[in-house]
Protein backbone atom coordinates (compact mmCIF):
# COMPACT_ATOMS: atom_id res chain seq x y z
CA UNK A 1 19.38 -0.71 4.97
CA UNK A 2 20.76 -0.34 1.45
CA UNK A 3 18.47 -3.13 0.25
CA UNK A 4 15.41 -1.46 1.82
CA UNK A 5 16.35 1.86 0.25
CA UNK A 6 16.71 0.22 -3.15
CA UNK A 7 13.27 -1.42 -2.86
CA UNK A 8 11.66 1.87 -1.80
CA UNK A 9 13.28 3.75 -4.69
CA UNK A 10 12.35 1.17 -7.33
CA UNK A 11 8.81 0.06 -6.43
CA UNK A 12 7.04 1.33 -9.52
CA UNK A 13 3.40 1.20 -10.61
CA UNK A 14 3.36 -1.95 -12.71
CA UNK A 15 0.49 -2.07 -15.21
CA UNK A 16 1.76 -4.67 -17.69
CA UNK A 17 2.27 -8.28 -16.66
CA UNK A 18 3.42 -11.56 -18.10
CA UNK A 19 1.11 -14.57 -18.16
CA UNK A 20 2.94 -16.19 -15.24
CA UNK A 21 0.51 -17.01 -12.42
CA UNK A 22 1.03 -15.48 -8.99
CA UNK A 23 0.53 -18.50 -6.69
CA UNK A 24 -1.38 -18.39 -3.41
CA UNK A 25 1.85 -19.30 -1.62
CA UNK A 26 3.55 -16.18 -2.95
CA UNK A 27 0.56 -13.98 -2.12
CA UNK A 28 0.53 -15.39 1.40
CA UNK A 29 4.24 -14.62 1.78
CA UNK A 30 3.69 -11.06 0.54
CA UNK A 31 0.77 -10.50 2.92
CA UNK A 32 2.71 -12.06 5.78
CA UNK A 33 5.13 -9.15 5.53
CA UNK A 34 2.58 -6.48 4.59
CA UNK A 35 0.47 -7.16 7.69
CA UNK A 36 3.05 -5.41 9.87
CA UNK A 37 1.95 -2.04 8.51
CA UNK A 38 0.94 0.52 11.13
CA UNK A 39 -2.68 1.50 11.74
CA UNK A 40 -4.49 3.77 14.17
CA UNK A 41 -4.65 2.09 17.56
CA UNK A 42 -3.18 -1.01 15.90
CA UNK A 43 -6.77 -1.89 14.96
CA UNK A 44 -5.75 -3.34 11.60
CA UNK A 45 -9.10 -2.66 9.99
CA UNK A 46 -7.98 -3.79 6.54
CA UNK A 47 -9.28 -6.75 4.59
CA UNK A 48 -8.04 -8.16 1.29
CA UNK A 49 -10.08 -10.07 -1.28
CA UNK A 50 -8.05 -12.17 -3.73
CA UNK A 51 -9.71 -12.21 -7.15
CA UNK A 52 -8.65 -14.55 -9.92
CA UNK A 53 -11.96 -15.14 -11.69
CA UNK A 54 -11.71 -13.58 -15.15
CA UNK A 55 -15.32 -12.43 -15.23
CA UNK A 56 -15.03 -10.74 -11.84
CA UNK A 57 -11.81 -8.96 -12.83
CA UNK A 58 -13.40 -7.77 -16.06
CA UNK A 59 -16.48 -6.54 -14.20
CA UNK A 60 -14.40 -4.57 -11.69
CA UNK A 61 -12.63 -2.81 -14.53
CA UNK A 62 -15.91 -2.25 -16.36
CA UNK A 63 -17.51 -0.70 -13.28
CA UNK A 64 -14.63 1.71 -12.82
CA UNK A 65 -14.08 2.64 -16.47
CA UNK A 66 -16.51 5.61 -16.31
CA UNK A 67 -14.39 7.00 -13.46
CA UNK A 68 -11.16 6.80 -15.46
CA UNK A 69 -12.87 8.34 -18.49
CA UNK A 70 -14.06 11.24 -16.34
CA UNK A 71 -10.49 11.54 -15.00
CA UNK A 72 -9.16 11.84 -18.55
CA UNK A 73 -11.84 14.34 -19.55
CA UNK A 74 -11.12 16.55 -16.54
CA UNK A 75 -7.38 16.33 -17.15
CA UNK A 76 -7.85 17.29 -20.80
CA UNK A 77 -9.90 20.27 -19.64
CA UNK A 78 -6.89 21.49 -17.65
CA UNK A 79 -8.28 20.42 -14.28
CA UNK A 80 -6.79 18.35 -11.48
CA UNK A 81 -9.04 15.29 -11.90
CA UNK A 82 -11.42 14.25 -9.16
CA UNK A 83 -10.15 16.90 -6.72
CA UNK A 84 -12.63 17.82 -4.00
CA UNK A 85 -11.97 21.56 -3.83
CA UNK A 86 -12.40 23.12 -7.28
CA UNK A 87 -15.73 22.44 -9.02
CA UNK A 88 -15.32 20.64 -12.33
CA UNK A 89 -16.56 22.17 -15.56
CA UNK A 90 -16.90 18.70 -17.09
CA UNK A 91 -20.39 17.21 -17.18
CA UNK A 92 -20.03 13.47 -16.41
CA UNK A 93 -23.07 12.73 -18.58
CA UNK A 94 -21.40 14.28 -21.62
CA UNK A 95 -17.95 12.67 -21.31
CA UNK A 96 -16.88 11.30 -24.69
CA UNK A 97 -13.47 9.70 -24.15
CA UNK A 98 -12.58 7.00 -26.70
CA UNK A 99 -11.85 3.53 -25.37
CA UNK A 100 -8.31 3.64 -26.75
CA UNK A 101 -7.50 6.56 -24.44
CA UNK A 102 -8.02 4.35 -21.38
CA UNK A 103 -6.84 1.05 -22.80
CA UNK A 104 -3.88 1.08 -20.42
CA UNK A 105 -6.45 0.93 -17.63
CA UNK A 106 -8.88 -1.59 -19.11
CA UNK A 107 -5.92 -3.86 -19.90
CA UNK A 108 -5.38 -4.25 -16.16
CA UNK A 109 -8.05 -6.96 -16.31
CA UNK A 110 -5.31 -9.16 -17.82
CA UNK A 111 -3.32 -9.13 -14.57
CA UNK A 112 -3.02 -12.64 -13.11
CA UNK A 113 -4.64 -11.59 -9.85
CA UNK A 114 -6.43 -8.64 -8.26
CA UNK A 115 -6.22 -7.75 -4.61
CA UNK A 116 -9.16 -5.64 -3.52
CA UNK A 117 -8.09 -3.85 -0.35
CA UNK A 118 -10.94 -2.78 1.90
CA UNK A 119 -11.24 -1.02 5.24
CA UNK A 120 -13.79 -1.54 7.99
CA UNK A 121 -15.06 1.94 8.88
CA UNK A 122 -16.47 0.62 12.15
CA UNK A 123 -12.93 -0.17 13.25
CA UNK A 124 -10.64 2.64 12.10
CA UNK A 125 -10.46 6.15 13.55
CA UNK A 126 -11.51 9.12 11.42
CA UNK A 127 -10.55 12.20 13.41
CA UNK A 128 -11.61 14.47 10.55
CA UNK A 129 -15.17 13.16 10.25
CA UNK A 130 -16.67 16.41 11.56
CA UNK A 131 -14.72 18.67 9.20
CA UNK A 132 -16.42 20.18 6.18
CA UNK A 133 -14.25 18.41 3.64
CA UNK A 134 -13.79 14.90 2.33
CA UNK A 135 -12.34 12.58 4.96
CA UNK A 136 -8.75 11.40 4.55
CA UNK A 137 -7.62 10.33 8.01
CA UNK A 138 -9.09 6.82 7.91
CA UNK A 139 -6.83 6.17 4.93
CA UNK A 140 -3.87 6.23 7.31
CA UNK A 141 -5.12 2.91 8.68
CA UNK A 142 -5.24 1.11 5.33
CA UNK A 143 -2.89 2.64 2.75
CA UNK A 144 0.34 1.80 4.62
CA UNK A 145 -0.85 -1.82 4.38
CA UNK A 146 -1.57 -1.45 0.66
CA UNK A 147 1.85 0.06 -0.01
CA UNK A 148 3.53 -2.61 2.10
CA UNK A 149 1.98 -5.15 -0.28
CA UNK A 150 3.67 -3.45 -3.23
CA UNK A 151 7.01 -3.22 -1.41
CA UNK A 152 6.89 -6.88 -0.39
CA UNK A 153 5.90 -7.86 -3.93
CA UNK A 154 8.82 -5.89 -5.38
CA UNK A 155 11.17 -7.62 -2.94
CA UNK A 156 10.04 -11.01 -4.29
CA UNK A 157 10.22 -10.06 -7.96
CA UNK A 158 6.51 -9.37 -8.46
CA UNK A 159 4.80 -6.09 -9.25
CA UNK A 160 1.54 -4.25 -8.85
CA UNK A 161 -0.16 -0.88 -8.92
CA UNK A 162 -2.30 0.89 -6.36
CA UNK A 163 -5.46 2.06 -8.16
CA UNK A 164 -8.45 3.67 -6.47
CA UNK A 165 -11.00 4.50 -9.17
CA UNK A 166 -13.02 1.39 -8.32
CA UNK A 167 -14.19 3.28 -5.23
CA UNK A 168 -16.47 5.33 -7.50
CA UNK A 169 -18.52 2.14 -7.99
CA UNK A 170 -18.36 1.05 -4.36
CA UNK A 171 -22.06 0.19 -4.03
CA UNK A 172 -22.05 -2.16 -7.00
CA UNK A 173 -18.81 -3.77 -5.85
CA UNK A 174 -20.09 -4.30 -2.32
CA UNK A 175 -23.15 -6.08 -3.70
CA UNK A 176 -21.15 -8.15 -6.17
CA UNK A 177 -18.62 -9.38 -3.62
CA UNK A 178 -20.92 -9.69 -0.60
CA UNK A 179 -19.28 -6.88 1.36
CA UNK A 180 -21.00 -5.20 4.33
CA UNK A 181 -22.00 -1.59 3.70
CA UNK A 182 -19.65 -0.31 6.41
CA UNK A 183 -16.61 -1.81 4.67
CA UNK A 184 -15.20 0.68 2.18
CA UNK A 185 -13.33 -0.05 -1.02
CA UNK A 186 -9.87 1.45 -0.52
CA UNK A 187 -7.81 0.19 -3.46
CA UNK A 188 -7.54 -2.31 -6.26
CA UNK A 189 -4.09 -3.82 -6.76
CA UNK A 190 -3.57 -5.69 -10.04
CA UNK A 191 -0.55 -7.93 -9.45
CA UNK A 192 1.73 -10.32 -11.29
CA UNK A 193 5.17 -10.68 -12.83
CA UNK A 194 6.19 -7.36 -14.46
CA UNK A 195 6.63 -7.46 -18.21
CA UNK A 196 9.40 -4.89 -17.76
CA UNK A 197 11.11 -3.65 -14.59
CA UNK A 198 11.57 0.08 -14.08
CA UNK A 199 14.37 1.22 -11.78
CA UNK A 200 14.62 4.96 -12.46
CA UNK A 201 11.53 6.70 -11.11
CA UNK A 202 10.77 10.42 -11.40
CA UNK A 203 9.69 12.20 -8.24
CA UNK A 204 9.72 15.78 -6.96
CA UNK A 205 12.85 16.76 -4.97
CA UNK A 206 12.51 17.02 -1.18
CA UNK A 207 12.99 20.79 -1.24
CA UNK A 208 9.90 21.18 -3.41
CA UNK A 209 7.50 19.75 -0.84
CA UNK A 210 9.18 20.26 2.56
CA UNK A 211 9.31 23.56 4.48
CA UNK A 212 10.58 24.46 7.92
CA UNK A 213 8.27 25.60 10.71
CA UNK A 214 5.52 27.01 8.43
CA UNK A 215 3.78 26.26 5.12
CA UNK A 216 5.65 29.23 3.63
CA UNK A 217 8.86 28.65 5.58
CA UNK A 218 12.29 28.01 4.07
CA UNK A 219 12.72 24.74 2.23
CA UNK A 220 14.52 21.79 3.75
CA UNK A 221 17.87 21.39 2.05
């Protein structure tokens, strides 16, 4: 249990990698563990595409760069970027974010391998599909799998980051990779050997996000 706790507390978002290749055998071992993630009805509607081709990796980053630039512009305007509740004051057509401001993101193309994690919307349950807000429930059937990949990678000395901005270019990505239209882009995981390993992560304390009985109830602990 101590080992599991340590892995959970030290699985960081790795965005800088060495040039060491991540072999298919290691990816297979990581996915062998990750596949035991829970999903609604145990339907396991996830699918992973392993991408090593340099041109394809570069194109995926290129397609999603406008989304990260809009994120930065909204953040700089004091907004919570890409949130679905408060209208943004930032006009996407007028975003002028310099390339250097998102270089940390575009440099992800240098990762040895990408895992594009997808979800078959014909398979997973979406109990919130009739609500007048963006759907989130179907994510419960794919993101535990995606996070399991990162945990399993950390356990084996590899690293990765769960990024989602590629979803803004889902149509282009579906066409490029031959994906059916009912299969959604859930996450892009750049993966490889971390250039540096972080072990002290900053997170909110439990009492800040946990309340008893009601939203405004007393905090736990």
